[in-house]
Amino acid sequence: DTALEEIADGAHLHLELYKDGVKINPM
């Protein structure tokens, strides 16, 4: 809960997913 990137959103995990180097929707 100390990282500044999205601190206003409260404590959370930010997960990103890539396929062959391109960002895609993790959902």
PDB file of all heavy atoms in Angstrom:
ATOM      1  N   ASP A   1       0.828  -1.207   0.000  1.00  0.00           N
ATOM      2  CA  ASP A   1       0.000   0.000   0.000  1.00  0.00           C
ATOM      3  C   ASP A   1       0.862   1.256   0.000  1.00  0.00           C
ATOM      4  O   ASP A   1       0.400   2.350   0.322  1.00  0.00           O
ATOM      5  CB  ASP A   1      -0.959   0.015   1.203  1.00  0.00           C
ATOM      6  CG  ASP A   1      -0.236  -0.046   2.536  1.00  0.00           C
ATOM      7  OD1 ASP A   1       1.020  -0.188   2.534  1.00  0.00           O
ATOM      8  OD2 ASP A   1      -0.892   0.021   3.571  1.00  0.00           O
ATOM      9  N   THR A   2       2.141   1.097  -0.368  1.00  0.00           N
ATOM     10  CA  THR A   2       3.056   2.242  -0.348  1.00  0.00           C
ATOM     11  C   THR A   2       3.522   2.660  -1.744  1.00  0.00           C
ATOM     12  O   THR A   2       4.087   3.740  -1.900  1.00  0.00           O
ATOM     13  CB  THR A   2       4.299   1.915   0.505  1.00  0.00           C
ATOM     14  OG1 THR A   2       4.972   0.780  -0.042  1.00  0.00           O
ATOM     15  CG2 THR A   2       3.895   1.602   1.947  1.00  0.00           C
ATOM     16  N   ALA A   3       3.303   1.821  -2.754  1.00  0.00           N
ATOM     17  CA  ALA A   3       3.740   2.189  -4.107  1.00  0.00           C
ATOM     18  C   ALA A   3       2.913   3.368  -4.596  1.00  0.00           C
ATOM     19  O   ALA A   3       1.695   3.445  -4.390  1.00  0.00           O
ATOM     20  CB  ALA A   3       3.581   0.995  -5.042  1.00  0.00           C
ATOM     21  N   LEU A   4       3.557   4.301  -5.260  1.00  0.00           N
ATOM     22  CA  LEU A   4       2.919   5.567  -5.619  1.00  0.00           C
ATOM     23  C   LEU A   4       2.129   5.537  -6.929  1.00  0.00           C
ATOM     24  O   LEU A   4       1.345   6.445  -7.187  1.00  0.00           O
ATOM     25  CB  LEU A   4       4.007   6.659  -5.706  1.00  0.00           C
ATOM     26  CG  LEU A   4       4.822   6.893  -4.431  1.00  0.00           C
ATOM     27  CD1 LEU A   4       5.907   7.939  -4.695  1.00  0.00           C
ATOM     28  CD2 LEU A   4       3.921   7.330  -3.293  1.00  0.00           C
ATOM     29  N   GLU A   5       2.333   4.535  -7.770  1.00  0.00           N
ATOM     30  CA  GLU A   5       1.777   4.572  -9.134  1.00  0.00           C
ATOM     31  C   GLU A   5       0.263   4.711  -9.134  1.00  0.00           C
ATOM     32  O   GLU A   5      -0.297   5.492  -9.904  1.00  0.00           O
ATOM     33  CB  GLU A   5       2.210   3.321  -9.908  1.00  0.00           C
ATOM     34  CG  GLU A   5       1.766   3.345 -11.379  1.00  0.00           C
ATOM     35  CD  GLU A   5       2.343   2.179 -12.160  1.00  0.00           C
ATOM     36  OE1 GLU A   5       3.104   1.372 -11.598  1.00  0.00           O
ATOM     37  OE2 GLU A   5       2.051   2.079 -13.360  1.00  0.00           O
ATOM     38  N   GLU A   6      -0.446   3.930  -8.289  1.00  0.00           N
ATOM     39  CA  GLU A   6      -1.907   4.006  -8.225  1.00  0.00           C
ATOM     40  C   GLU A   6      -2.337   4.037  -6.758  1.00  0.00           C
ATOM     41  O   GLU A   6      -3.316   3.404  -6.361  1.00  0.00           O
ATOM     42  CB  GLU A   6      -2.534   2.803  -8.959  1.00  0.00           C
ATOM     43  CG  GLU A   6      -2.267   2.794 -10.469  1.00  0.00           C
ATOM     44  CD  GLU A   6      -2.871   1.590 -11.164  1.00  0.00           C
ATOM     45  OE1 GLU A   6      -3.309   0.648 -10.475  1.00  0.00           O
ATOM     46  OE2 GLU A   6      -2.908   1.582 -12.408  1.00  0.00           O
ATOM     47  N   ILE A   7      -1.653   4.850  -5.973  1.00  0.00           N
ATOM     48  CA  ILE A   7      -1.868   4.832  -4.520  1.00  0.00           C
ATOM     49  C   ILE A   7      -3.259   5.333  -4.129  1.00  0.00           C
ATOM     50  O   ILE A   7      -3.818   4.949  -3.093  1.00  0.00           O
ATOM     51  CB  ILE A   7      -0.762   5.652  -3.801  1.00  0.00           C
ATOM     52  CG1 ILE A   7      -0.771   5.355  -2.301  1.00  0.00           C
ATOM     53  CG2 ILE A   7      -0.910   7.134  -4.074  1.00  0.00           C
ATOM     54  CD1 ILE A   7       0.428   5.921  -1.564  1.00  0.00           C
ATOM     55  N   ALA A   8      -3.849   6.193  -4.969  1.00  0.00           N
ATOM     56  CA  ALA A   8      -5.185   6.721  -4.652  1.00  0.00           C
ATOM     57  C   ALA A   8      -6.251   5.641  -4.733  1.00  0.00           C
ATOM     58  O   ALA A   8      -7.361   5.824  -4.199  1.00  0.00           O
ATOM     59  CB  ALA A   8      -5.522   7.872  -5.603  1.00  0.00           C
ATOM     60  N   ASP A   9      -5.958   4.524  -5.394  1.00  0.00           N
ATOM     61  CA  ASP A   9      -6.934   3.428  -5.517  1.00  0.00           C
ATOM     62  C   ASP A   9      -6.861   2.460  -4.342  1.00  0.00           C
ATOM     63  O   ASP A   9      -7.624   1.483  -4.305  1.00  0.00           O
ATOM     64  CB  ASP A   9      -6.690   2.649  -6.813  1.00  0.00           C
ATOM     65  CG  ASP A   9      -7.023   3.479  -8.043  1.00  0.00           C
ATOM     66  OD1 ASP A   9      -7.976   4.272  -7.968  1.00  0.00           O
ATOM     67  OD2 ASP A   9      -6.333   3.314  -9.085  1.00  0.00           O
ATOM     68  N   GLY A  10      -5.981   2.718  -3.379  1.00  0.00           N
ATOM     69  CA  GLY A  10      -5.869   1.825  -2.233  1.00  0.00           C
ATOM     70  C   GLY A  10      -4.968   0.638  -2.547  1.00  0.00           C
ATOM     71  O   GLY A  10      -4.433   0.475  -3.652  1.00  0.00           O
ATOM     72  N   ALA A  11      -4.814  -0.230  -1.540  1.00  0.00           N
ATOM     73  CA  ALA A  11      -3.934  -1.389  -1.690  1.00  0.00           C
ATOM     74  C   ALA A  11      -4.519  -2.353  -2.732  1.00  0.00           C
ATOM     75  O   ALA A  11      -5.690  -2.745  -2.649  1.00  0.00           O
ATOM     76  CB  ALA A  11      -3.769  -2.087  -0.344  1.00  0.00           C
ATOM     77  N   HIS A  12      -3.695  -2.716  -3.685  1.00  0.00           N
ATOM     78  CA  HIS A  12      -4.166  -3.657  -4.712  1.00  0.00           C
ATOM     79  C   HIS A  12      -2.981  -4.198  -5.514  1.00  0.00           C
ATOM     80  O   HIS A  12      -1.878  -3.647  -5.478  1.00  0.00           O
ATOM     81  CB  HIS A  12      -5.179  -2.991  -5.656  1.00  0.00           C
ATOM     82  CG  HIS A  12      -4.605  -1.910  -6.516  1.00  0.00           C
ATOM     83  ND1 HIS A  12      -4.411  -0.620  -6.068  1.00  0.00           N
ATOM     84  CD2 HIS A  12      -4.145  -1.920  -7.808  1.00  0.00           C
ATOM     85  CE1 HIS A  12      -3.901   0.113  -7.041  1.00  0.00           C
ATOM     86  NE2 HIS A  12      -3.716  -0.661  -8.114  1.00  0.00           N
ATOM     87  N   LEU A  13      -3.234  -5.274  -6.218  1.00  0.00           N
ATOM     88  CA  LEU A  13      -2.270  -5.822  -7.178  1.00  0.00           C
ATOM     89  C   LEU A  13      -2.659  -5.328  -8.568  1.00  0.00           C
ATOM     90  O   LEU A  13      -3.826  -5.400  -8.965  1.00  0.00           O
ATOM     91  CB  LEU A  13      -2.304  -7.354  -7.161  1.00  0.00           C
ATOM     92  CG  LEU A  13      -1.686  -8.065  -8.382  1.00  0.00           C
ATOM     93  CD1 LEU A  13      -0.164  -7.889  -8.390  1.00  0.00           C
ATOM     94  CD2 LEU A  13      -2.065  -9.543  -8.408  1.00  0.00           C
ATOM     95  N   HIS A  14      -1.670  -4.831  -9.305  1.00  0.00           N
ATOM     96  CA  HIS A  14      -1.880  -4.441 -10.699  1.00  0.00           C
ATOM     97  C   HIS A  14      -1.224  -5.536 -11.567  1.00  0.00           C
ATOM     98  O   HIS A  14      -0.009  -5.711 -11.545  1.00  0.00           O
ATOM     99  CB  HIS A  14      -1.248  -3.072 -10.985  1.00  0.00           C
ATOM    100  CG  HIS A  14      -1.365  -2.660 -12.424  1.00  0.00           C
ATOM    101  ND1 HIS A  14      -2.454  -1.965 -12.914  1.00  0.00           N
ATOM    102  CD2 HIS A  14      -0.509  -2.833 -13.479  1.00  0.00           C
ATOM    103  CE1 HIS A  14      -2.272  -1.727 -14.207  1.00  0.00           C
ATOM    104  NE2 HIS A  14      -1.097  -2.242 -14.575  1.00  0.00           N
ATOM    105  N   LEU A  15      -2.054  -6.279 -12.323  1.00  0.00           N
ATOM    106  CA  LEU A  15      -1.573  -7.404 -13.133  1.00  0.00           C
ATOM    107  C   LEU A  15      -1.684  -7.058 -14.619  1.00  0.00           C
ATOM    108  O   LEU A  15      -2.758  -6.657 -15.096  1.00  0.00           O
ATOM    109  CB  LEU A  15      -2.385  -8.666 -12.833  1.00  0.00           C
ATOM    110  CG  LEU A  15      -2.051  -9.907 -13.678  1.00  0.00           C
ATOM    111  CD1 LEU A  15      -0.635 -10.401 -13.368  1.00  0.00           C
ATOM    112  CD2 LEU A  15      -3.058 -11.022 -13.438  1.00  0.00           C
ATOM    113  N   GLU A  16      -0.594  -7.237 -15.344  1.00  0.00           N
ATOM    114  CA  GLU A  16      -0.587  -7.038 -16.793  1.00  0.00           C
ATOM    115  C   GLU A  16      -0.278  -8.362 -17.487  1.00  0.00           C
ATOM    116  O   GLU A  16       0.474  -9.199 -16.966  1.00  0.00           O
ATOM    117  CB  GLU A  16       0.459  -5.991 -17.194  1.00  0.00           C
ATOM    118  CG  GLU A  16       0.158  -4.606 -16.647  1.00  0.00           C
ATOM    119  CD  GLU A  16       1.234  -3.579 -16.979  1.00  0.00           C
ATOM    120  OE1 GLU A  16       2.276  -3.989 -17.547  1.00  0.00           O
ATOM    121  OE2 GLU A  16       1.058  -2.383 -16.655  1.00  0.00           O
ATOM    122  N   LEU A  17      -0.867  -8.536 -18.676  1.00  0.00           N
ATOM    123  CA  LEU A  17      -0.674  -9.767 -19.452  1.00  0.00           C
ATOM    124  C   LEU A  17      -0.237  -9.407 -20.869  1.00  0.00           C
ATOM    125  O   LEU A  17      -0.819  -8.509 -21.502  1.00  0.00           O
ATOM    126  CB  LEU A  17      -1.979 -10.585 -19.493  1.00  0.00           C
ATOM    127  CG  LEU A  17      -1.953 -11.882 -20.324  1.00  0.00           C
ATOM    128  CD1 LEU A  17      -0.945 -12.876 -19.747  1.00  0.00           C
ATOM    129  CD2 LEU A  17      -3.344 -12.501 -20.382  1.00  0.00           C
ATOM    130  N   TYR A  18       0.780 -10.117 -21.347  1.00  0.00           N
ATOM    131  CA  TYR A  18       1.297  -9.900 -22.701  1.00  0.00           C
ATOM    132  C   TYR A  18       1.245 -11.222 -23.478  1.00  0.00           C
ATOM    133  O   TYR A  18       1.449 -12.301 -22.910  1.00  0.00           O
ATOM    134  CB  TYR A  18       2.752  -9.412 -22.665  1.00  0.00           C
ATOM    135  CG  TYR A  18       2.963  -8.069 -22.039  1.00  0.00           C
ATOM    136  CD1 TYR A  18       2.930  -7.908 -20.645  1.00  0.00           C
ATOM    137  CD2 TYR A  18       3.212  -6.946 -22.821  1.00  0.00           C
ATOM    138  CE1 TYR A  18       3.136  -6.671 -20.060  1.00  0.00           C
ATOM    139  CE2 TYR A  18       3.425  -5.705 -22.238  1.00  0.00           C
ATOM    140  CZ  TYR A  18       3.390  -5.579 -20.859  1.00  0.00           C
ATOM    141  OH  TYR A  18       3.596  -4.346 -20.283  1.00  0.00           O
ATOM    142  N   LYS A  19       0.992 -11.096 -24.772  1.00  0.00           N
ATOM    143  CA  LYS A  19       1.071 -12.242 -25.683  1.00  0.00           C
ATOM    144  C   LYS A  19       2.011 -11.854 -26.822  1.00  0.00           C
ATOM    145  O   LYS A  19       1.711 -10.941 -27.610  1.00  0.00           O
ATOM    146  CB  LYS A  19      -0.319 -12.589 -26.229  1.00  0.00           C
ATOM    147  CG  LYS A  19      -0.328 -13.592 -27.376  1.00  0.00           C
ATOM    148  CD  LYS A  19       0.188 -14.962 -26.974  1.00  0.00           C
ATOM    149  CE  LYS A  19      -0.010 -15.954 -28.109  1.00  0.00           C
ATOM    150  NZ  LYS A  19       0.722 -17.207 -27.948  1.00  0.00           N
ATOM    151  N   ASP A  20       3.154 -12.526 -26.877  1.00  0.00           N
ATOM    152  CA  ASP A  20       4.182 -12.208 -27.875  1.00  0.00           C
ATOM    153  C   ASP A  20       4.561 -10.729 -27.835  1.00  0.00           C
ATOM    154  O   ASP A  20       4.721 -10.084 -28.881  1.00  0.00           O
ATOM    155  CB  ASP A  20       3.694 -12.586 -29.293  1.00  0.00           C
ATOM    156  CG  ASP A  20       3.420 -14.084 -29.411  1.00  0.00           C
ATOM    157  OD1 ASP A  20       4.165 -14.866 -28.790  1.00  0.00           O
ATOM    158  OD2 ASP A  20       2.474 -14.456 -30.122  1.00  0.00           O
ATOM    159  N   GLY A  21       4.658 -10.196 -26.610  1.00  0.00           N
ATOM    160  CA  GLY A  21       5.107  -8.824 -26.435  1.00  0.00           C
ATOM    161  C   GLY A  21       4.029  -7.770 -26.559  1.00  0.00           C
ATOM    162  O   GLY A  21       4.318  -6.569 -26.403  1.00  0.00           O
ATOM    163  N   VAL A  22       2.786  -8.160 -26.794  1.00  0.00           N
ATOM    164  CA  VAL A  22       1.690  -7.198 -26.958  1.00  0.00           C
ATOM    165  C   VAL A  22       0.751  -7.309 -25.757  1.00  0.00           C
ATOM    166  O   VAL A  22       0.339  -8.417 -25.379  1.00  0.00           O
ATOM    167  CB  VAL A  22       0.910  -7.459 -28.262  1.00  0.00           C
ATOM    168  CG1 VAL A  22      -0.251  -6.475 -28.409  1.00  0.00           C
ATOM    169  CG2 VAL A  22       1.851  -7.369 -29.464  1.00  0.00           C
ATOM    170  N   LYS A  23       0.397  -6.161 -25.163  1.00  0.00           N
ATOM    171  CA  LYS A  23      -0.516  -6.172 -24.020  1.00  0.00           C
ATOM    172  C   LYS A  23      -1.909  -6.630 -24.447  1.00  0.00           C
ATOM    173  O   LYS A  23      -2.437  -6.195 -25.468  1.00  0.00           O
ATOM    174  CB  LYS A  23      -0.617  -4.763 -23.408  1.00  0.00           C
ATOM    175  CG  LYS A  23       0.551  -4.378 -22.524  1.00  0.00           C
ATOM    176  CD  LYS A  23       0.322  -3.026 -21.883  1.00  0.00           C
ATOM    177  CE  LYS A  23       1.500  -2.621 -20.989  1.00  0.00           C
ATOM    178  NZ  LYS A  23       1.289  -1.307 -20.357  1.00  0.00           N
ATOM    179  N   ILE A  24      -2.499  -7.533 -23.624  1.00  0.00           N
ATOM    180  CA  ILE A  24      -3.856  -8.017 -23.877  1.00  0.00           C
ATOM    181  C   ILE A  24      -4.628  -7.994 -22.566  1.00  0.00           C
ATOM    182  O   ILE A  24      -4.058  -7.769 -21.489  1.00  0.00           O
ATOM    183  CB  ILE A  24      -3.861  -9.438 -24.480  1.00  0.00           C
ATOM    184  CG1 ILE A  24      -3.087 -10.409 -23.559  1.00  0.00           C
ATOM    185  CG2 ILE A  24      -3.247  -9.453 -25.874  1.00  0.00           C
ATOM    186  CD1 ILE A  24      -3.104 -11.854 -24.053  1.00  0.00           C
ATOM    187  N   ASN A  25      -5.926  -8.248 -22.642  1.00  0.00           N
ATOM    188  CA  ASN A  25      -6.806  -8.153 -21.483  1.00  0.00           C
ATOM    189  C   ASN A  25      -6.662  -9.404 -20.607  1.00  0.00           C
ATOM    190  O   ASN A  25      -7.002 -10.518 -21.036  1.00  0.00           O
ATOM    191  CB  ASN A  25      -8.255  -8.012 -21.945  1.00  0.00           C
ATOM    192  CG  ASN A  25      -9.199  -7.697 -20.803  1.00  0.00           C
ATOM    193  OD1 ASN A  25      -8.824  -7.711 -19.633  1.00  0.00           O
ATOM    194  ND2 ASN A  25     -10.440  -7.403 -21.142  1.00  0.00           N
ATOM    195  N   PRO A  26      -6.188  -9.281 -19.365  1.00  0.00           N
ATOM    196  CA  PRO A  26      -6.055 -10.456 -18.488  1.00  0.00           C
ATOM    197  C   PRO A  26      -7.393 -11.130 -18.199  1.00  0.00           C
ATOM    198  O   PRO A  26      -7.442 -12.337 -17.944  1.00  0.00           O
ATOM    199  CB  PRO A  26      -5.452  -9.883 -17.204  1.00  0.00           C
ATOM    200  CG  PRO A  26      -4.786  -8.601 -17.636  1.00  0.00           C
ATOM    201  CD  PRO A  26      -5.639  -8.068 -18.733  1.00  0.00           C
ATOM    202  N   MET A  27      -8.477 -10.375 -18.225  1.00  0.00           N
ATOM    203  CA  MET A  27      -9.788 -10.933 -17.924  1.00  0.00           C
ATOM    204  C   MET A  27     -10.173 -12.060 -18.897  1.00  0.00           C
ATOM    205  O   MET A  27     -10.910 -12.982 -18.529  1.00  0.00           O
ATOM    206  CB  MET A  27     -10.853  -9.817 -17.960  1.00  0.00           C
ATOM    207  CG  MET A  27     -12.238 -10.269 -17.517  1.00  0.00           C
ATOM    208  SD  MET A  27     -12.296 -10.660 -15.761  1.00  0.00           S
ATOM    209  CE  MET A  27     -12.356  -9.022 -15.075  1.00  0.00           C
TER     210      MET A  27
END
